Amino acid sequence: MGCTLTVIADPRTASDAALRRAREALVAAEAGARPVDIVHALGNLAHCYLERRVPEVAEALFEQALRWSRATASTDLLVDLLCDLAEFSLRHVQPEDGRTRVEAAFDKARAYAGEAGDLANRVSDPVFELRVLLRIGRLREGLGDEREARALFSRAEQLMPGQHASGPTGPAIEAVAHPTVH
């Protein structure tokens, strides 16, 4: 794909071991030229920057990982990144950012969540699909999209074991999506 990442290190975080390891993993992944490894390395580096409260760098890394994930054959990986970006969009916008910026962040979150929902039935296993649908449903609730959230929860309910026409027979599953990459 030819993407090259240049990360300008903040001197306050340059000595951090986790960040250094994440950067080294990215360099190694790029040297190996395996898109799946590059996606994972970019995602890990993005999470390091999120922990350090540098959301602008994290977002750029997540978006770069998303571009690379489209070069893989892993729908699971793509869906997981779309969910990460949707969640990121919601978590890192504040009311004081202004109406235009908040609306833009919500629109991005909706777009990422919508694409993830469209792809959910193509992931590798039904348990992961269930988790993704629940994750996206919670995202849509957070966006105030109640009708869409209910539709996603309904789809998820149909995947739950032991379902009857009347609904779930046990407690709801609280899940976080973790993809299986082949």
Protein backbone atom coordinates (compact mmCIF):
# COMPACT_ATOMS: atom_id res chain seq x y z
CA MET A 1 0.00 0.00 0.00
CA GLY A 2 2.93 2.29 0.48
CA CYS A 3 1.79 4.14 3.60
CA THR A 4 4.63 5.40 5.71
CA LEU A 5 4.01 6.81 9.13
CA THR A 6 6.03 9.60 10.64
CA VAL A 7 5.33 10.03 14.32
CA ILE A 8 6.68 13.16 15.91
CA ALA A 9 7.43 12.14 19.45
CA ASP A 10 6.54 14.28 22.38
CA PRO A 11 9.74 14.41 24.46
CA ARG A 12 7.70 13.79 27.61
CA THR A 13 6.57 10.40 26.29
CA ALA A 14 9.61 9.40 24.25
CA SER A 15 11.13 7.46 27.15
CA ASP A 16 7.97 5.51 27.90
CA ALA A 17 8.65 1.80 27.37
CA ALA A 18 5.19 0.89 26.06
CA LEU A 19 5.25 3.65 23.50
CA ARG A 20 8.77 2.72 22.44
CA ARG A 21 7.78 -0.94 22.05
CA ALA A 22 4.71 0.05 20.01
CA ARG A 23 6.86 2.17 17.70
CA GLU A 24 9.39 -0.65 17.32
CA ALA A 25 6.57 -3.09 16.54
CA LEU A 26 5.33 -0.75 13.82
CA VAL A 27 8.79 -0.49 12.27
CA ALA A 28 9.12 -4.29 12.35
CA ALA A 29 5.62 -4.74 10.88
CA GLU A 30 6.38 -2.30 8.06
CA ALA A 31 9.66 -4.13 7.37
CA GLY A 32 7.77 -7.42 7.18
CA ALA A 33 5.22 -5.83 4.82
CA ARG A 34 2.30 -7.85 6.22
CA PRO A 35 -0.81 -5.64 6.27
CA VAL A 36 -2.40 -7.50 9.22
CA ASP A 37 0.72 -6.94 11.35
CA ILE A 38 0.83 -3.29 10.31
CA VAL A 39 -2.84 -2.84 11.27
CA HIS A 40 -2.25 -4.34 14.71
CA ALA A 41 0.90 -2.27 15.25
CA LEU A 42 -0.85 0.96 14.23
CA GLY A 43 -3.80 0.14 16.50
CA ASN A 44 -1.51 -0.57 19.45
CA LEU A 45 0.37 2.65 18.85
CA ALA A 46 -2.94 4.55 18.64
CA HIS A 47 -3.99 3.14 22.01
CA CYS A 48 -0.67 4.27 23.51
CA TYR A 49 -1.37 7.80 22.34
CA LEU A 50 -4.92 7.62 23.69
CA GLU A 51 -3.52 6.68 27.10
CA ARG A 52 -1.31 9.76 26.90
CA ARG A 53 -4.25 11.95 25.96
CA VAL A 54 -3.03 12.82 22.48
CA PRO A 55 -6.23 12.08 20.56
CA GLU A 56 -5.18 13.82 17.35
CA VAL A 57 -2.25 11.43 16.86
CA ALA A 58 -4.36 8.44 17.94
CA GLU A 59 -7.06 9.30 15.42
CA ALA A 60 -4.54 9.61 12.60
CA LEU A 61 -3.08 6.22 13.55
CA PHE A 62 -6.53 4.58 13.72
CA GLU A 63 -7.42 6.01 10.31
CA GLN A 64 -4.16 4.75 8.86
CA ALA A 65 -4.85 1.31 10.37
CA LEU A 66 -8.28 1.41 8.77
CA ARG A 67 -6.77 2.09 5.35
CA TRP A 68 -4.37 -0.83 5.80
CA SER A 69 -7.16 -3.11 7.08
CA ARG A 70 -8.99 -2.64 3.80
CA ALA A 71 -5.96 -4.26 2.12
CA THR A 72 -6.38 -7.42 4.19
CA ALA A 73 -8.87 -10.20 3.71
CA SER A 74 -10.02 -9.87 7.32
CA THR A 75 -13.53 -8.53 7.70
CA ASP A 76 -13.13 -9.07 11.45
CA LEU A 77 -10.19 -6.70 11.58
CA LEU A 78 -11.98 -4.09 9.48
CA VAL A 79 -15.15 -4.26 11.59
CA ASP A 80 -13.20 -4.00 14.83
CA LEU A 81 -11.36 -0.89 13.60
CA LEU A 82 -14.60 0.69 12.39
CA CYS A 83 -16.01 0.18 15.89
CA ASP A 84 -12.84 1.62 17.45
CA LEU A 85 -13.10 4.71 15.26
CA ALA A 86 -16.80 5.16 15.99
CA GLU A 87 -16.15 4.91 19.73
CA PHE A 88 -13.18 7.25 19.41
CA SER A 89 -15.33 9.83 17.62
CA LEU A 90 -17.84 9.80 20.47
CA ARG A 91 -15.39 9.79 23.34
CA HIS A 92 -13.09 12.53 22.17
CA VAL A 93 -15.51 15.31 21.40
CA GLN A 94 -16.73 17.65 24.10
CA PRO A 95 -19.78 19.95 24.13
CA GLU A 96 -17.43 22.91 24.47
CA ASP A 97 -15.83 21.94 21.11
CA GLY A 98 -18.71 23.72 19.42
CA ARG A 99 -21.81 22.53 17.66
CA THR A 100 -20.20 22.08 14.24
CA ARG A 101 -17.36 19.94 15.60
CA VAL A 102 -19.70 17.85 17.76
CA GLU A 103 -22.04 17.23 14.81
CA ALA A 104 -19.09 16.29 12.60
CA ALA A 105 -17.85 13.81 15.22
CA PHE A 106 -21.33 12.28 15.53
CA ASP A 107 -21.58 12.02 11.73
CA LYS A 108 -18.22 10.23 11.61
CA ALA A 109 -19.28 7.87 14.39
CA ARG A 110 -22.54 7.11 12.56
CA ALA A 111 -20.68 6.42 9.31
CA TYR A 112 -18.16 4.09 10.97
CA ALA A 113 -20.87 2.31 12.97
CA GLY A 114 -23.07 2.03 9.88
CA GLU A 115 -20.32 0.40 7.84
CA ALA A 116 -19.50 -1.96 10.72
CA GLY A 117 -23.17 -2.91 10.97
CA ASP A 118 -23.34 -3.56 7.24
CA LEU A 119 -20.32 -5.88 7.48
CA ALA A 120 -21.23 -7.60 10.76
CA ASN A 121 -22.92 -10.56 9.09
CA ARG A 122 -19.68 -11.26 7.19
CA VAL A 123 -17.40 -11.74 10.22
CA SER A 124 -15.81 -15.11 10.93
CA ASP A 125 -18.10 -16.44 13.63
CA PRO A 126 -21.56 -15.84 15.10
CA VAL A 127 -20.27 -15.02 18.59
CA PHE A 128 -18.12 -12.23 17.21
CA GLU A 129 -21.06 -11.03 15.11
CA LEU A 130 -23.22 -10.94 18.25
CA ARG A 131 -20.59 -8.94 20.12
CA VAL A 132 -20.18 -6.52 17.23
CA LEU A 133 -23.94 -5.94 16.97
CA LEU A 134 -24.16 -5.24 20.70
CA ARG A 135 -21.17 -2.90 20.51
CA ILE A 136 -22.62 -1.00 17.56
CA GLY A 137 -26.04 -0.92 19.23
CA ARG A 138 -24.52 0.76 22.29
CA LEU A 139 -22.75 3.22 19.99
CA ARG A 140 -26.01 4.09 18.25
CA GLU A 141 -27.66 4.56 21.66
CA GLY A 142 -24.85 6.95 22.58
CA LEU A 143 -25.60 8.89 19.42
CA GLY A 144 -29.28 9.11 20.31
CA ASP A 145 -30.26 6.83 17.42
CA GLU A 146 -32.76 4.72 19.35
CA ARG A 147 -34.47 3.13 16.33
CA GLU A 148 -31.17 1.99 14.82
CA ALA A 149 -29.96 0.73 18.20
CA ARG A 150 -33.14 -1.33 18.67
CA ALA A 151 -32.73 -2.84 15.20
CA LEU A 152 -29.15 -3.84 16.01
CA PHE A 153 -30.14 -5.29 19.37
CA SER A 154 -32.91 -7.23 17.63
CA ARG A 155 -30.38 -8.65 15.15
CA ALA A 156 -28.12 -9.58 18.06
CA GLU A 157 -30.99 -11.20 19.93
CA GLN A 158 -31.63 -13.51 16.99
CA LEU A 159 -28.04 -14.77 17.25
CA MET A 160 -28.25 -15.54 20.96
CA PRO A 161 -28.40 -19.25 21.77
CA GLY A 162 -31.75 -20.59 22.94
CA GLN A 163 -33.86 -17.87 21.38
CA HIS A 164 -37.56 -18.30 20.84
CA ALA A 165 -40.05 -16.04 19.12
CA SER A 166 -40.85 -14.49 22.50
CA GLY A 167 -37.31 -13.23 23.08
CA PRO A 168 -34.29 -14.11 25.18
CA THR A 169 -34.46 -16.96 27.67
CA GLY A 170 -31.58 -15.70 29.79
CA PRO A 171 -29.80 -12.52 30.75
CA ALA A 172 -28.47 -10.24 28.03
CA ILE A 173 -24.85 -10.68 27.04
CA GLU A 174 -22.55 -7.77 27.80
CA ALA A 175 -19.68 -8.08 25.38
CA VAL A 176 -16.77 -6.26 23.84
CA ALA A 177 -15.72 -7.25 20.35
CA HIS A 178 -12.36 -9.00 19.94
CA PRO A 179 -11.73 -10.14 16.39
CA THR A 180 -10.24 -13.40 15.29
CA VAL A 181 -7.72 -12.72 12.56
CA HIS A 182 -6.75 -15.50 10.19
